[in-house]
Amino acid sequence: QVQDPVLASGYVGVSLSNYGSPSYDQHVVYEAMRVTDLNSPDIVYEESEFAGGGCFGEGSGEGYQTSALDGQYQVQVTAGNYFMAPCQDTGLEPLTDFILEADVVQQDAGNSGLAFRTNTDTGAMYAFLMDPAGYATLVYYPNATESPTVLMDWTSVKGGAAVGELNHIKVIAVGETILIYVNGSLAAEVQDGSATSGGIALIARASEADFQTIFDNVKITSLVVP
């Protein structure tokens, strides 16, 4: 994965080089080539108003309260509690290759982020969490009871916003490749095939004090060619 501004557009093609002697012919077969134009994506879900909580819903329970206020999804979690809001009742098929992005604003004393390729029946999911100090982690939960596999331990994220300021988080998942960007900077890049499809969710976790986080502009873009 590189950053390079030299060529911003152009064509794609195939290439073959033969470095053997003239007596060695070479034969290559290409198949199932696919080009996905990320400038014309297939947006399968977009939420910016959160009327009634959108697909995430409004409500309260032990240790948490959620509400749609001023077109944003606000989550309050009491000290020591964890909350996850899965996106439900949208008619989406389980997502395989996709881009998931959202704006996140968080206060101190906790962390929040995005879960993806979730399975609400087993509790399996990938979870990307950020804390207000600008550190982030990426883990995979095999189910609701086993300890998670740490794919990226808590690491300082380049360009992470301060407490009360907006972070734009983008997850790109294609096959076993997972890329996560925060405010346009690459925060995590892993290869992991533990889960290949599933749902998405918003997550928040409070530490020693009550914690509040705000989500906005949630968007899911399918990278699967119809």
Protein backbone atom coordinates (compact mmCIF):
# COMPACT_ATOMS: atom_id res chain seq x y z
CA GLN A 1 0.00 0.00 0.00
CA VAL A 2 1.60 3.25 -1.13
CA GLN A 3 0.75 6.92 -1.46
CA ASP A 4 1.80 8.45 -4.79
CA PRO A 5 0.29 11.48 -6.59
CA VAL A 6 2.05 11.16 -9.97
CA LEU A 7 -0.77 9.49 -11.94
CA ALA A 8 -4.35 10.29 -10.96
CA SER A 9 -6.15 8.58 -13.86
CA GLY A 10 -5.55 6.36 -16.85
CA TYR A 11 -6.13 2.88 -18.24
CA VAL A 12 -5.57 -0.65 -16.94
CA GLY A 13 -3.98 -3.55 -18.79
CA VAL A 14 -2.02 -6.76 -18.55
CA SER A 15 1.71 -7.26 -18.99
CA LEU A 16 4.04 -10.17 -19.73
CA SER A 17 7.82 -10.21 -19.75
CA ASN A 18 9.98 -13.20 -20.72
CA TYR A 19 13.55 -13.13 -19.42
CA GLY A 20 14.43 -16.64 -20.64
CA SER A 21 16.40 -17.50 -23.74
CA PRO A 22 14.63 -17.31 -27.13
CA SER A 23 14.00 -21.07 -26.98
CA TYR A 24 11.66 -20.71 -23.97
CA ASP A 25 8.14 -19.61 -24.83
CA GLN A 26 5.84 -18.34 -22.11
CA HIS A 27 2.05 -18.64 -21.93
CA VAL A 28 -0.14 -16.83 -19.39
CA VAL A 29 -3.93 -17.01 -19.02
CA TYR A 30 -5.87 -14.18 -17.43
CA GLU A 31 -9.38 -14.76 -16.13
CA ALA A 32 -12.12 -13.12 -14.05
CA MET A 33 -10.63 -9.64 -14.32
CA ARG A 34 -12.69 -7.01 -12.54
CA VAL A 35 -12.36 -3.24 -12.36
CA THR A 36 -14.40 -1.38 -9.74
CA ASP A 37 -14.77 2.37 -10.19
CA LEU A 38 -14.66 3.85 -6.68
CA ASN A 39 -15.71 7.21 -8.14
CA SER A 40 -19.07 5.68 -9.15
CA PRO A 41 -19.75 3.30 -6.24
CA ASP A 42 -22.88 1.35 -5.46
CA ILE A 43 -24.02 2.96 -2.21
CA VAL A 44 -26.29 0.42 -0.55
CA TYR A 45 -27.03 2.36 2.64
CA GLU A 46 -26.59 5.95 3.74
CA GLU A 47 -27.74 7.54 6.98
CA SER A 48 -27.33 11.20 7.82
CA GLU A 49 -30.57 12.11 9.62
CA PHE A 50 -31.10 9.13 11.96
CA ALA A 51 -34.86 9.65 12.10
CA GLY A 52 -35.96 7.29 14.85
CA GLY A 53 -32.37 6.17 15.10
CA GLY A 54 -32.29 4.95 11.50
CA CYS A 55 -31.39 1.29 11.16
CA PHE A 56 -29.68 1.45 14.58
CA GLY A 57 -32.76 2.41 16.59
CA GLU A 58 -33.31 4.59 19.64
CA GLY A 59 -33.73 3.33 23.17
CA SER A 60 -32.17 2.61 26.52
CA GLY A 61 -31.13 -0.38 28.56
CA GLU A 62 -28.77 -1.44 31.29
CA GLY A 63 -25.78 0.86 31.02
CA TYR A 64 -26.68 2.75 27.85
CA GLN A 65 -29.00 5.24 26.17
CA THR A 66 -29.22 6.15 22.47
CA SER A 67 -31.06 9.01 20.80
CA ALA A 68 -31.32 10.82 17.46
CA LEU A 69 -30.69 14.49 18.08
CA ASP A 70 -29.99 17.24 15.54
CA GLY A 71 -29.55 14.64 12.80
CA GLN A 72 -26.91 12.71 14.73
CA TYR A 73 -26.88 9.40 16.57
CA GLN A 74 -25.86 9.98 20.19
CA VAL A 75 -24.78 7.16 22.48
CA GLN A 76 -24.28 7.47 26.23
CA VAL A 77 -22.69 4.58 28.11
CA THR A 78 -22.31 4.45 31.89
CA ALA A 79 -18.96 3.63 33.50
CA GLY A 80 -17.76 0.08 32.91
CA ASN A 81 -20.36 -0.78 30.25
CA TYR A 82 -20.21 -1.71 26.57
CA PHE A 83 -22.76 -1.02 23.84
CA MET A 84 -23.18 -2.20 20.26
CA ALA A 85 -25.87 -1.00 17.83
CA PRO A 86 -26.19 -3.31 14.80
CA CYS A 87 -27.75 -1.96 11.62
CA GLN A 88 -31.04 -3.87 11.24
CA ASP A 89 -34.12 -4.01 9.02
CA THR A 90 -32.53 -2.47 5.92
CA GLY A 91 -32.99 -5.49 3.64
CA LEU A 92 -29.23 -5.66 3.04
CA GLU A 93 -27.75 -9.03 2.28
CA PRO A 94 -24.69 -9.94 4.39
CA LEU A 95 -21.86 -7.71 3.18
CA THR A 96 -18.75 -9.29 1.69
CA ASP A 97 -16.57 -6.68 -0.05
CA PHE A 98 -17.48 -3.14 0.96
CA ILE A 99 -16.52 0.31 2.21
CA LEU A 100 -17.97 1.37 5.56
CA GLU A 101 -17.47 4.92 6.75
CA ALA A 102 -18.77 7.20 9.47
CA ASP A 103 -18.06 10.40 11.35
CA VAL A 104 -17.33 9.87 15.04
CA VAL A 105 -17.02 12.44 17.83
CA GLN A 106 -16.17 11.21 21.31
CA GLN A 107 -15.69 12.61 24.78
CA ASP A 108 -13.13 11.41 27.32
CA ALA A 109 -13.21 8.23 29.46
CA GLY A 110 -13.98 5.63 26.81
CA ASN A 111 -13.60 4.55 23.20
CA SER A 112 -15.84 3.98 20.23
CA GLY A 113 -15.74 2.88 16.61
CA LEU A 114 -17.09 0.49 14.00
CA ALA A 115 -17.81 -3.23 13.94
CA PHE A 116 -18.07 -5.10 10.66
CA ARG A 117 -18.62 -8.60 9.30
CA THR A 118 -20.68 -9.09 12.42
CA ASN A 119 -22.77 -12.15 13.25
CA THR A 120 -25.47 -11.27 15.78
CA ASP A 121 -26.23 -14.96 16.44
CA THR A 122 -22.70 -15.95 17.47
CA GLY A 123 -21.19 -12.59 18.46
CA ALA A 124 -18.39 -12.90 15.89
CA MET A 125 -17.11 -9.61 14.47
CA TYR A 126 -14.21 -7.37 13.63
CA ALA A 127 -14.04 -4.26 15.83
CA PHE A 128 -12.06 -1.08 15.23
CA LEU A 129 -11.94 1.18 18.29
CA MET A 130 -10.41 4.60 18.89
CA ASP A 131 -9.86 6.41 22.16
CA PRO A 132 -9.88 10.20 22.65
CA ALA A 133 -6.08 10.24 22.97
CA GLY A 134 -5.71 9.20 19.32
CA TYR A 135 -4.89 5.52 19.82
CA ALA A 136 -6.70 2.72 17.98
CA THR A 137 -6.97 -1.06 17.93
CA LEU A 138 -8.38 -3.69 15.57
CA VAL A 139 -9.52 -7.04 16.95
CA TYR A 140 -11.53 -10.07 15.83
CA TYR A 141 -14.05 -11.69 18.18
CA PRO A 142 -14.71 -15.35 17.21
CA ASN A 143 -17.85 -15.40 19.37
CA ALA A 144 -19.45 -13.75 22.39
CA THR A 145 -17.43 -15.66 25.00
CA GLU A 146 -13.88 -16.26 23.70
CA SER A 147 -11.12 -13.69 23.97
CA PRO A 148 -10.53 -11.66 20.80
CA THR A 149 -7.61 -12.02 18.41
CA VAL A 150 -5.65 -8.76 18.37
CA LEU A 151 -4.90 -7.83 14.77
CA MET A 152 -3.50 -4.41 15.66
CA ASP A 153 -2.68 -3.55 19.27
CA TRP A 154 -3.36 -0.06 20.58
CA THR A 155 -1.35 2.19 18.26
CA SER A 156 -1.11 5.95 17.85
CA VAL A 157 -3.12 6.96 14.77
CA LYS A 158 -1.72 9.66 12.51
CA GLY A 159 -4.16 12.54 12.14
CA GLY A 160 -6.53 11.44 14.92
CA ALA A 161 -8.72 14.29 16.16
CA ALA A 162 -8.79 15.53 19.75
CA VAL A 163 -11.57 15.06 22.30
CA GLY A 164 -14.82 16.55 21.05
CA GLU A 165 -13.61 16.83 17.46
CA LEU A 166 -14.66 14.80 14.43
CA ASN A 167 -12.88 11.69 13.17
CA HIS A 168 -13.87 10.28 9.79
CA ILE A 169 -13.33 6.52 9.88
CA LYS A 170 -13.33 4.42 6.70
CA VAL A 171 -13.12 0.63 6.55
CA ILE A 172 -12.33 -1.07 3.23
CA ALA A 173 -12.78 -4.84 3.31
CA VAL A 174 -12.03 -6.89 0.19
CA GLY A 175 -11.58 -10.61 0.73
CA GLU A 176 -8.96 -11.08 3.43
CA THR A 177 -7.62 -7.53 3.03
CA ILE A 178 -8.79 -4.98 5.60
CA LEU A 179 -7.74 -1.34 5.35
CA ILE A 180 -8.83 1.28 7.86
CA TYR A 181 -8.35 5.01 7.40
CA VAL A 182 -8.81 7.80 9.94
CA ASN A 183 -9.17 11.27 8.48
CA GLY A 184 -7.60 10.08 5.24
CA SER A 185 -4.52 8.46 6.84
CA LEU A 186 -3.97 4.70 6.86
CA ALA A 187 -4.47 3.49 10.44
CA ALA A 188 -4.50 -0.29 9.97
CA GLU A 189 -3.77 -2.79 7.22
CA VAL A 190 -4.18 -6.50 7.90
CA GLN A 191 -4.72 -9.77 6.09
CA ASP A 192 -7.26 -11.92 7.93
CA GLY A 193 -9.87 -14.37 6.68
CA SER A 194 -11.57 -15.18 9.97
CA ALA A 195 -14.87 -13.75 8.66
CA THR A 196 -15.74 -13.10 5.02
CA SER A 197 -19.19 -11.53 5.36
CA GLY A 198 -21.67 -10.17 7.87
CA GLY A 199 -23.33 -7.02 9.12
CA ILE A 200 -22.11 -3.71 10.50
CA ALA A 201 -22.58 -1.98 13.86
CA LEU A 202 -21.64 1.08 15.89
CA ILE A 203 -19.82 0.38 19.16
CA ALA A 204 -18.98 2.35 22.30
CA ARG A 205 -17.28 1.38 25.56
CA ALA A 206 -16.99 3.38 28.78
CA SER A 207 -14.05 3.01 31.15
CA GLU A 208 -13.96 4.45 34.66
CA ALA A 209 -16.51 7.18 33.97
CA ASP A 210 -19.62 7.76 31.87
CA PHE A 211 -18.86 8.13 28.18
CA GLN A 212 -20.61 9.87 25.29
CA THR A 213 -20.00 9.48 21.57
CA ILE A 214 -21.76 10.85 18.49
CA PHE A 215 -22.04 9.10 15.12
CA ASP A 216 -23.02 10.76 11.86
CA ASN A 217 -22.96 10.24 8.07
CA VAL A 218 -22.82 6.45 8.10
CA LYS A 219 -22.39 5.07 4.57
CA ILE A 220 -22.00 1.55 3.18
CA THR A 221 -20.69 1.08 -0.36
CA SER A 222 -20.77 -2.35 -1.94
CA LEU A 223 -17.68 -3.37 -3.93
CA VAL A 224 -19.36 -6.47 -5.32
CA VAL A 225 -20.17 -6.24 -9.02
CA PRO A 226 -23.88 -7.10 -9.58
